[in-house]
Amino acid sequence: RNTRVEWGDHDSVAQSPTFATVADNTVVKSLTFVNTYNFPNKGKVNRNPRIPTVAALINGDKCAFYSVGFSGVQDTLWDADGRHFFHLCAVDFIFGNGQSIYKKCVINVLGATLKPGVAGYITAQGRTNPYDASGFVFTDNLVHGTGKAFLGRPWRSYARLTFAEIGYYGSGSNTGRRVSWVKKLSGFSVQSMINLDFITSGGWVQALPISV
């Protein structure tokens, strides 16, 4: 991800993306898209207002991203619509109505860049009806960063996002202080989501020229 594509201005959320694609079958590899308008680049103070500034808008079907970085402060990756696969990517905030799998990615929380006392959110999924197949699935990812952040918030009436503890280990794996109503996913439910079948029909991910 040594090649960076940057844009540093803002109008509306729809007009601010550094990169946008509405085409189906888009494949991107080894690039970083940055919206620098209010991004604290290399530790420098950025005094522009903390408003949504999109680094990438993905609005096509069957789109794949490999070793791609998305950098911004709020509404960084607009995973808008369609089936998408992100592998070995890095991003901080994800929103939209995509039907996507994020596999072995780095989620970098930038909560410390927000106003004092304000927590960030990693996701805001926007499913609009109970029959909509869209949703975000995260598997084998690393979440780190600064400040406080929630895993997700609903953006639309039927938002769907899954973070589940499966085969967990390390200091965060102690379940002794979990709430009594925590739910455990069945093996069938887990496989139905982390399996590529959640986004593939006809094997389009497997047919790409990059091994997963």
Protein backbone atom coordinates (compact mmCIF):
# COMPACT_ATOMS: atom_id res chain seq x y z
CA ARG A 1 0.00 0.00 0.00
CA ASN A 2 2.87 2.41 -0.72
CA THR A 3 0.93 4.25 -3.43
CA ARG A 4 -1.46 6.83 -1.93
CA VAL A 5 -4.33 8.57 -3.67
CA GLU A 6 -5.30 11.73 -1.76
CA TRP A 7 -8.04 14.36 -1.91
CA GLY A 8 -8.39 17.18 0.60
CA ASP A 9 -11.63 19.07 0.07
CA HIS A 10 -15.23 18.67 1.14
CA ASP A 11 -18.70 19.56 -0.12
CA SER A 12 -21.40 16.99 0.62
CA VAL A 13 -20.79 13.40 1.67
CA ALA A 14 -21.64 12.24 -1.85
CA GLN A 15 -19.26 14.76 -3.43
CA SER A 16 -16.28 14.24 -1.12
CA PRO A 17 -14.94 10.74 -1.95
CA THR A 18 -11.30 10.52 -2.93
CA PHE A 19 -12.16 7.40 -4.94
CA ALA A 20 -15.55 6.30 -6.24
CA THR A 21 -16.67 3.38 -8.37
CA VAL A 22 -20.15 2.57 -9.62
CA ALA A 23 -18.93 -0.16 -11.98
CA ASP A 24 -19.45 -3.86 -11.38
CA ASN A 25 -16.44 -6.21 -11.16
CA THR A 26 -14.02 -3.58 -9.87
CA VAL A 27 -10.78 -5.04 -8.48
CA VAL A 28 -8.25 -2.87 -6.61
CA LYS A 29 -4.91 -4.01 -5.18
CA SER A 30 -2.18 -2.34 -3.12
CA LEU A 31 -3.43 1.26 -2.98
CA THR A 32 -4.33 3.61 -0.13
CA PHE A 33 -7.15 6.14 -0.51
CA VAL A 34 -6.99 9.10 1.88
CA ASN A 35 -9.37 11.99 2.43
CA THR A 36 -6.98 14.51 3.98
CA TYR A 37 -9.56 17.25 4.66
CA ASN A 38 -9.61 16.63 8.42
CA PHE A 39 -7.28 13.65 8.70
CA PRO A 40 -4.48 14.04 11.30
CA ASN A 41 -1.71 13.07 8.90
CA LYS A 42 1.56 12.01 10.58
CA GLY A 43 0.50 13.42 13.93
CA LYS A 44 0.03 16.98 12.69
CA VAL A 45 -2.89 19.02 14.03
CA ASN A 46 -5.68 19.41 11.48
CA ARG A 47 -8.08 22.22 12.40
CA ASN A 48 -10.71 21.56 9.75
CA PRO A 49 -14.12 20.62 11.23
CA ARG A 50 -14.77 16.98 12.14
CA ILE A 51 -17.40 16.28 9.50
CA PRO A 52 -17.94 13.24 7.26
CA THR A 53 -15.26 13.04 4.57
CA VAL A 54 -15.34 9.90 2.44
CA ALA A 55 -12.15 8.23 1.26
CA ALA A 56 -13.92 5.69 -0.98
CA LEU A 57 -17.43 5.10 -2.31
CA ILE A 58 -18.15 1.55 -3.54
CA ASN A 59 -21.44 1.29 -5.42
CA GLY A 60 -20.93 -1.58 -7.86
CA ASP A 61 -21.54 -5.32 -7.58
CA LYS A 62 -18.87 -8.02 -7.29
CA CYS A 63 -16.08 -5.64 -6.25
CA ALA A 64 -12.90 -6.85 -4.54
CA PHE A 65 -10.13 -5.05 -2.67
CA TYR A 66 -6.78 -6.61 -1.74
CA SER A 67 -4.22 -4.91 0.52
CA VAL A 68 -6.04 -1.60 0.17
CA GLY A 69 -6.06 1.18 2.78
CA PHE A 70 -8.88 3.65 3.42
CA SER A 71 -8.03 6.62 5.65
CA GLY A 72 -10.28 9.37 6.99
CA VAL A 73 -11.94 10.56 10.20
CA GLN A 74 -15.68 9.98 9.74
CA ASP A 75 -17.61 8.03 7.07
CA THR A 76 -14.29 6.85 5.65
CA LEU A 77 -15.51 3.89 3.57
CA TRP A 78 -18.96 4.15 2.02
CA ASP A 79 -19.74 0.51 1.38
CA ALA A 80 -22.86 1.65 -0.41
CA ASP A 81 -24.44 -1.18 -2.38
CA GLY A 82 -23.59 -4.52 -3.94
CA ARG A 83 -21.52 -7.55 -2.98
CA HIS A 84 -17.96 -6.74 -1.93
CA PHE A 85 -14.92 -8.59 -0.64
CA PHE A 86 -12.17 -6.89 1.36
CA HIS A 87 -9.02 -8.92 2.08
CA LEU A 88 -5.97 -7.72 4.04
CA CYS A 89 -7.28 -4.15 4.00
CA ALA A 90 -7.08 -1.30 6.53
CA VAL A 91 -9.95 1.05 7.37
CA ASP A 92 -11.39 2.97 10.32
CA PHE A 93 -15.09 3.69 9.72
CA ILE A 94 -17.47 1.77 7.45
CA PHE A 95 -21.05 2.67 6.55
CA GLY A 96 -23.60 1.84 3.88
CA ASN A 97 -25.84 -0.90 2.59
CA GLY A 98 -23.28 -3.25 1.09
CA GLN A 99 -23.31 -7.04 1.38
CA SER A 100 -19.68 -7.47 2.31
CA ILE A 101 -17.07 -9.67 3.93
CA TYR A 102 -14.01 -8.12 5.59
CA LYS A 103 -11.37 -10.81 6.01
CA LYS A 104 -8.01 -10.42 7.77
CA CYS A 105 -8.32 -6.63 7.75
CA VAL A 106 -7.05 -4.01 10.20
CA ILE A 107 -9.73 -1.77 11.71
CA ASN A 108 -8.00 1.38 12.99
CA VAL A 109 -10.14 3.36 15.46
CA LEU A 110 -9.49 7.12 15.46
CA GLY A 111 -11.76 8.02 18.36
CA ALA A 112 -9.13 10.29 19.89
CA THR A 113 -9.42 12.68 16.92
CA LEU A 114 -13.05 13.47 17.78
CA LYS A 115 -14.29 16.03 20.28
CA PRO A 116 -13.59 15.32 23.98
CA GLY A 117 -16.12 12.88 25.37
CA VAL A 118 -17.29 11.76 21.91
CA ALA A 119 -16.97 8.08 21.05
CA GLY A 120 -16.42 6.78 17.55
CA TYR A 121 -18.15 3.94 15.72
CA ILE A 122 -16.54 1.29 13.57
CA THR A 123 -19.65 0.62 11.48
CA ALA A 124 -23.04 2.02 10.54
CA GLN A 125 -24.84 -0.52 8.37
CA GLY A 126 -27.90 0.65 6.43
CA ARG A 127 -30.21 -2.27 5.61
CA THR A 128 -33.68 -0.82 4.88
CA ASN A 129 -36.02 -3.84 5.05
CA PRO A 130 -36.06 -7.31 6.66
CA TYR A 131 -35.72 -9.07 3.30
CA ASP A 132 -32.60 -7.16 2.25
CA ALA A 133 -29.63 -9.56 1.96
CA SER A 134 -27.04 -6.91 2.78
CA GLY A 135 -24.89 -6.85 5.91
CA PHE A 136 -21.30 -6.55 7.10
CA VAL A 137 -19.34 -9.61 8.22
CA PHE A 138 -15.92 -9.34 9.85
CA THR A 139 -13.75 -12.42 10.18
CA ASP A 140 -10.16 -12.76 11.45
CA ASN A 141 -9.68 -9.00 11.77
CA LEU A 142 -7.56 -6.87 14.11
CA VAL A 143 -9.21 -3.88 15.84
CA HIS A 144 -6.95 -1.27 17.44
CA GLY A 145 -6.48 2.50 17.68
CA THR A 146 -7.03 5.40 20.06
CA GLY A 147 -9.96 6.80 22.02
CA LYS A 148 -13.32 5.18 22.67
CA ALA A 149 -15.40 3.45 20.02
CA PHE A 150 -18.44 1.21 19.67
CA LEU A 151 -18.42 -1.76 17.31
CA GLY A 152 -21.42 -0.42 15.43
CA ARG A 153 -24.62 1.57 15.33
CA PRO A 154 -27.72 1.19 13.13
CA TRP A 155 -27.88 3.62 10.23
CA ARG A 156 -31.21 2.41 8.84
CA SER A 157 -34.24 0.58 10.26
CA TYR A 158 -32.99 -2.98 9.63
CA ALA A 159 -29.25 -2.50 9.97
CA ARG A 160 -27.33 -5.78 10.22
CA LEU A 161 -23.82 -6.28 11.54
CA THR A 162 -22.23 -9.32 13.15
CA PHE A 163 -19.36 -9.35 15.62
CA ALA A 164 -19.22 -12.71 17.40
CA GLU A 165 -16.70 -14.35 19.71
CA ILE A 166 -15.61 -17.57 18.07
CA GLY A 167 -12.41 -19.37 19.02
CA TYR A 168 -11.23 -16.27 20.85
CA TYR A 169 -8.02 -16.07 22.89
CA GLY A 170 -5.87 -13.52 24.71
CA SER A 171 -6.66 -11.02 27.46
CA GLY A 172 -10.08 -10.16 26.02
CA SER A 173 -11.29 -13.74 25.93
CA ASN A 174 -12.38 -13.92 29.59
CA THR A 175 -16.17 -14.25 29.46
CA GLY A 176 -16.67 -14.06 33.23
CA ARG A 177 -18.07 -10.51 33.10
CA ARG A 178 -20.32 -10.89 30.06
CA VAL A 179 -23.97 -9.86 30.36
CA SER A 180 -26.41 -12.67 31.12
CA TRP A 181 -28.29 -12.24 27.85
CA VAL A 182 -25.28 -12.63 25.56
CA LYS A 183 -26.03 -14.92 22.62
CA LYS A 184 -23.79 -17.61 21.19
CA LEU A 185 -23.98 -18.32 17.49
CA SER A 186 -24.44 -21.90 16.39
CA GLY A 187 -21.87 -23.50 14.13
CA PHE A 188 -24.36 -23.39 11.27
CA SER A 189 -24.99 -19.66 11.74
CA VAL A 190 -21.27 -18.94 11.85
CA GLN A 191 -20.52 -20.86 8.68
CA SER A 192 -23.44 -19.28 6.82
CA MET A 193 -21.87 -15.86 7.37
CA ILE A 194 -18.10 -16.36 7.22
CA ASN A 195 -18.38 -18.69 4.23
CA LEU A 196 -17.89 -16.85 0.95
CA ASP A 197 -21.38 -18.02 -0.04
CA PHE A 198 -22.66 -14.95 1.84
CA ILE A 199 -21.47 -12.79 -1.06
CA THR A 200 -20.79 -15.20 -3.90
CA SER A 201 -23.03 -16.77 -6.47
CA GLY A 202 -21.31 -18.39 -9.39
CA GLY A 203 -17.98 -18.29 -7.56
CA TRP A 204 -16.96 -14.78 -8.62
CA VAL A 205 -14.52 -14.32 -5.71
CA GLN A 206 -12.87 -17.69 -6.32
CA ALA A 207 -12.51 -16.82 -10.02
CA LEU A 208 -10.50 -13.65 -9.36
CA PRO A 209 -6.79 -13.76 -10.33
CA ILE A 210 -5.71 -13.26 -6.68
CA SER A 211 -5.71 -16.12 -4.21
CA VAL A 212 -7.73 -15.64 -1.01
